Amino acid sequence: MERSFSGKIAVVTGAASGIGYTVAHHLAERGARIVGVDLNDRVNELVTDLPGSGHHGIVKNLTDPAAAGQAIAETVSALGAPHILVNSAGLALLNPAVDVPADRWQLTLDVNLSGTFFMAQAAGRVMLEAGYGRIINLASQAAVVGLDQHAAYAASKAAVIGLTHVLSLEWARQGVTVNAVSPTVVETPLGKAAWAGEKGTKAKSEIPVGRFARPEEVAALIAFLAGDDAAMITGSNYLIDGGFTTI
């Protein structure tokens, strides 16, 4: 049976592109009203064009610790208390570990870790009061295996998994589940560009299934975790990497 999110309000960060946009589209197709949060000032246009109606876009820079609370307050005012939060906003700034500049290290942590925490904290307060919530944090296979030039990125995503464990423990008895999803390279437009040519061919050859993940596959896993069928699942990190981390 097709999963339905009719009547559900889903906040998706990074909703203007990539995995975030695909997740927003996937949930909207199944009846959810979407609040898309993104630094891109086109987010409102992109979100309101999603299937269904009642969607809302919010332009926020999540490196500002106050932005998360403002985004959730606007969500409650515009649509109501959110049922689902998908923390998809992130960036990957790659350097050899000995060459990582302090500003790139800090920016990576600010977006990938702090942005995720403050959004979860702000949404969690509302969800705990309501006695229901589904939070899914985007981590990465880089959180569990070593990848060349990924020092800052891997550190931030490993911390997201640790954060997921703590939030799931603290909030489970109040009806709020918190899980993480950890993809390999995903075939978003940016992913395809970054892993084109010989570099991409080599990377695919190291994945047992022989290809990268598709955005729709990541969205489908997130949708399962966001649904009522996953009420008993919390504190887990789901790898979607074609078997790469089993090697």
Protein backbone atom coordinates (compact mmCIF):
# COMPACT_ATOMS: atom_id res chain seq x y z
CA MET A 1 0.00 0.00 0.00
CA GLU A 2 1.29 3.47 -0.88
CA ARG A 3 2.34 5.36 2.24
CA SER A 4 0.21 8.45 2.89
CA PHE A 5 1.28 11.62 4.66
CA SER A 6 -2.08 13.33 4.34
CA GLY A 7 -2.55 15.77 7.21
CA LYS A 8 1.15 15.78 8.07
CA ILE A 9 3.38 18.87 8.11
CA ALA A 10 6.99 18.19 7.13
CA VAL A 11 9.87 20.63 7.56
CA VAL A 12 12.72 19.89 5.14
CA THR A 13 15.99 21.81 5.28
CA GLY A 14 18.07 22.17 2.14
CA ALA A 15 14.77 21.91 0.25
CA ALA A 16 15.78 24.01 -2.75
CA SER A 17 18.03 21.38 -4.32
CA GLY A 18 19.48 17.90 -4.22
CA ILE A 19 18.32 15.35 -1.66
CA GLY A 20 16.30 17.94 0.23
CA TYR A 21 14.23 18.87 -2.81
CA THR A 22 13.71 15.22 -3.73
CA VAL A 23 12.54 14.41 -0.19
CA ALA A 24 10.19 17.40 -0.19
CA HIS A 25 8.74 16.32 -3.55
CA HIS A 26 8.38 12.69 -2.41
CA LEU A 27 6.50 13.64 0.76
CA ALA A 28 4.37 16.23 -1.04
CA GLU A 29 3.31 13.66 -3.65
CA ARG A 30 2.01 11.56 -0.77
CA GLY A 31 -0.04 14.31 0.80
CA ALA A 32 2.28 16.13 3.19
CA ARG A 33 2.34 19.90 3.41
CA ILE A 34 5.96 20.98 3.09
CA VAL A 35 7.85 23.75 4.81
CA GLY A 36 11.10 24.11 2.90
CA VAL A 37 13.99 25.88 4.63
CA ASP A 38 16.97 26.94 2.56
CA LEU A 39 19.55 29.67 2.10
CA ASN A 40 18.49 29.90 -1.57
CA ASP A 41 15.97 32.71 -1.99
CA ARG A 42 14.10 30.63 -4.61
CA VAL A 43 13.00 28.13 -1.99
CA ASN A 44 9.49 29.56 -1.68
CA GLU A 45 8.95 29.40 -5.45
CA LEU A 46 10.31 25.83 -5.63
CA VAL A 47 8.34 24.57 -2.64
CA THR A 48 5.02 26.14 -3.59
CA ASP A 49 5.29 24.42 -6.99
CA LEU A 50 5.43 20.98 -5.37
CA PRO A 51 2.50 18.57 -5.81
CA GLY A 52 -0.47 19.37 -3.61
CA SER A 53 -1.06 22.66 -1.86
CA GLY A 54 -0.43 24.55 1.35
CA HIS A 55 3.36 24.46 1.11
CA HIS A 56 5.55 27.22 2.50
CA GLY A 57 9.14 28.33 1.89
CA ILE A 58 11.44 29.96 4.43
CA VAL A 59 14.76 31.59 3.58
CA LYS A 60 17.18 31.10 6.46
CA ASN A 61 20.92 30.76 6.96
CA LEU A 62 21.18 27.88 9.41
CA THR A 63 24.69 28.87 10.47
CA ASP A 64 22.87 31.46 12.59
CA PRO A 65 21.84 29.65 15.81
CA ALA A 66 18.70 31.80 16.03
CA ALA A 67 17.50 30.82 12.54
CA ALA A 68 16.17 27.40 13.56
CA GLY A 69 13.87 28.75 16.24
CA GLN A 70 12.63 31.41 13.85
CA ALA A 71 11.96 28.83 11.13
CA ILE A 72 9.97 26.56 13.44
CA ALA A 73 8.02 29.51 14.87
CA GLU A 74 7.12 30.57 11.32
CA THR A 75 6.11 26.98 10.52
CA VAL A 76 3.75 26.85 13.50
CA SER A 77 2.29 30.24 12.60
CA ALA A 78 1.82 29.47 8.90
CA LEU A 79 0.78 25.80 8.92
CA GLY A 80 0.78 24.41 12.46
CA ALA A 81 3.02 22.20 14.57
CA PRO A 82 5.36 20.07 12.43
CA HIS A 83 5.05 16.29 12.53
CA ILE A 84 8.24 15.59 10.55
CA LEU A 85 11.67 17.21 10.35
CA VAL A 86 14.21 16.19 7.73
CA ASN A 87 17.63 17.77 8.30
CA SER A 88 19.06 17.64 4.79
CA ALA A 89 20.95 20.95 4.56
CA GLY A 90 24.68 20.35 4.36
CA LEU A 91 27.89 21.00 2.51
CA ALA A 92 31.13 19.17 1.74
CA LEU A 93 34.34 21.19 1.58
CA LEU A 94 37.15 18.76 0.83
CA ASN A 95 40.83 19.19 1.63
CA PRO A 96 43.70 16.95 2.72
CA ALA A 97 43.63 16.97 6.51
CA VAL A 98 46.92 18.87 6.78
CA ASP A 99 45.52 21.64 4.57
CA VAL A 100 42.03 22.19 6.07
CA PRO A 101 41.71 25.94 6.74
CA ALA A 102 40.12 26.94 10.04
CA ASP A 103 37.28 28.78 8.33
CA ARG A 104 36.31 25.77 6.18
CA TRP A 105 36.44 23.48 9.22
CA GLN A 106 34.20 25.81 11.20
CA LEU A 107 31.74 26.39 8.36
CA THR A 108 31.37 22.63 7.85
CA LEU A 109 30.56 22.13 11.52
CA ASP A 110 28.24 25.14 11.60
CA VAL A 111 26.13 23.88 8.69
CA ASN A 112 26.26 20.09 9.04
CA LEU A 113 26.26 19.71 12.81
CA SER A 114 25.08 22.90 14.48
CA GLY A 115 22.37 23.55 11.88
CA THR A 116 21.09 20.01 12.40
CA PHE A 117 21.15 20.32 16.18
CA PHE A 118 19.38 23.67 16.43
CA MET A 119 16.67 22.59 13.96
CA ALA A 120 16.13 19.36 15.89
CA GLN A 121 16.09 21.24 19.18
CA ALA A 122 13.55 23.81 17.97
CA ALA A 123 11.30 21.24 16.29
CA GLY A 124 11.76 18.84 19.18
CA ARG A 125 10.33 21.31 21.67
CA VAL A 126 7.12 21.55 19.64
CA MET A 127 6.97 17.81 18.95
CA LEU A 128 7.51 16.87 22.58
CA GLU A 129 4.65 19.10 23.62
CA ALA A 130 2.45 17.47 20.97
CA GLY A 131 3.58 13.96 21.91
CA TYR A 132 4.49 13.04 18.33
CA GLY A 133 7.38 13.61 15.94
CA ARG A 134 9.66 12.07 13.37
CA ILE A 135 13.14 13.53 12.94
CA ILE A 136 15.50 12.21 10.26
CA ASN A 137 19.05 13.55 10.10
CA LEU A 138 21.19 13.22 6.97
CA ALA A 139 24.58 11.83 7.91
CA SER A 140 26.92 10.02 5.49
CA GLN A 141 28.92 6.88 4.89
CA ALA A 142 31.86 9.20 5.63
CA ALA A 143 30.71 9.10 9.26
CA VAL A 144 31.60 5.42 9.59
CA VAL A 145 34.53 4.85 7.18
CA GLY A 146 37.60 6.89 6.32
CA LEU A 147 37.42 8.81 3.05
CA ASP A 148 40.28 10.78 1.55
CA GLN A 149 40.09 14.57 2.05
CA HIS A 150 36.92 14.29 4.16
CA ALA A 151 38.29 15.24 7.60
CA ALA A 152 35.90 18.11 8.32
CA TYR A 153 32.95 16.49 6.57
CA ALA A 154 33.46 13.11 8.27
CA ALA A 155 33.83 14.71 11.69
CA SER A 156 30.62 16.69 11.26
CA LYS A 157 28.60 13.70 10.04
CA ALA A 158 29.95 11.34 12.72
CA ALA A 159 28.83 13.93 15.26
CA VAL A 160 25.36 13.95 13.67
CA ILE A 161 25.09 10.21 14.35
CA GLY A 162 26.17 10.73 17.96
CA LEU A 163 23.62 13.52 18.31
CA THR A 164 20.94 11.26 16.84
CA HIS A 165 21.65 8.63 19.50
CA VAL A 166 21.27 11.13 22.34
CA LEU A 167 18.10 12.78 21.04
CA SER A 168 16.48 9.42 20.39
CA LEU A 169 17.20 8.32 23.96
CA GLU A 170 15.89 11.52 25.53
CA TRP A 171 12.72 11.84 23.44
CA ALA A 172 11.51 8.29 22.78
CA ARG A 173 9.03 8.08 25.66
CA GLN A 174 7.32 11.27 24.46
CA GLY A 175 6.53 9.90 21.00
CA VAL A 176 9.41 11.49 19.09
CA THR A 177 11.72 9.24 17.08
CA VAL A 178 15.11 10.37 15.79
CA ASN A 179 17.06 8.45 13.15
CA ALA A 180 19.91 9.08 10.71
CA VAL A 181 20.35 8.15 7.07
CA SER A 182 23.87 7.79 5.67
CA PRO A 183 24.15 7.70 1.86
CA THR A 184 27.10 7.09 -0.37
CA VAL A 185 27.54 9.51 -3.29
CA VAL A 186 24.06 10.46 -4.49
CA GLU A 187 23.27 11.29 -8.13
CA THR A 188 22.07 14.81 -7.55
CA PRO A 189 23.20 17.39 -10.13
CA LEU A 190 26.04 18.43 -7.81
CA GLY A 191 26.94 14.82 -7.06
CA LYS A 192 27.11 13.94 -10.74
CA ALA A 193 29.32 16.95 -11.46
CA ALA A 194 31.66 16.28 -8.53
CA TRP A 195 32.07 12.60 -9.41
CA ALA A 196 32.18 12.76 -13.20
CA GLY A 197 34.72 11.03 -15.41
CA GLU A 198 37.48 8.70 -14.24
CA LYS A 199 37.04 9.69 -10.58
CA GLY A 200 33.40 8.62 -10.64
CA THR A 201 34.08 5.44 -12.57
CA LYS A 202 36.67 4.39 -10.00
CA ALA A 203 34.37 5.24 -7.09
CA LYS A 204 31.51 3.21 -8.57
CA SER A 205 33.80 0.24 -9.07
CA GLU A 206 34.48 0.22 -5.32
CA ILE A 207 30.75 -0.05 -4.49
CA PRO A 208 29.52 -3.66 -4.61
CA VAL A 209 26.32 -2.76 -6.51
CA GLY A 210 28.44 -0.82 -9.03
CA ARG A 211 26.68 2.54 -8.95
CA PHE A 212 25.86 5.58 -6.83
CA ALA A 213 22.60 6.07 -4.95
CA ARG A 214 19.66 7.77 -6.62
CA PRO A 215 17.97 10.68 -4.78
CA GLU A 216 14.62 8.86 -4.95
CA GLU A 217 16.09 5.87 -3.10
CA VAL A 218 17.25 8.11 -0.26
CA ALA A 219 13.86 9.85 -0.18
CA ALA A 220 12.03 6.52 0.02
CA LEU A 221 14.06 5.43 3.04
CA ILE A 222 13.48 8.78 4.74
CA ALA A 223 9.75 8.52 4.02
CA PHE A 224 9.63 5.11 5.69
CA LEU A 225 11.32 6.49 8.81
CA ALA A 226 8.94 9.48 8.76
CA GLY A 227 5.87 7.27 8.72
CA ASP A 228 3.81 5.64 11.42
CA ASP A 229 5.07 2.17 10.45
CA ALA A 230 8.49 3.16 11.84
CA ALA A 231 7.22 4.06 15.32
CA MET A 232 9.43 1.39 16.92
CA ILE A 233 12.58 2.54 15.13
CA THR A 234 14.67 5.21 16.82
CA GLY A 235 18.35 5.89 17.41
CA SER A 236 19.37 4.03 14.25
CA ASN A 237 21.71 4.99 11.43
CA TYR A 238 20.72 3.54 8.06
CA LEU A 239 23.47 3.18 5.48
CA ILE A 240 22.37 3.42 1.86
CA ASP A 241 25.69 2.76 0.18
CA GLY A 242 25.34 -0.34 -1.97
CA GLY A 243 27.42 -2.38 0.45
CA PHE A 244 30.48 -0.10 0.41
CA THR A 245 30.95 -0.08 4.17
CA THR A 246 30.79 -3.89 4.36
CA ILE A 247 34.02 -4.26 2.40
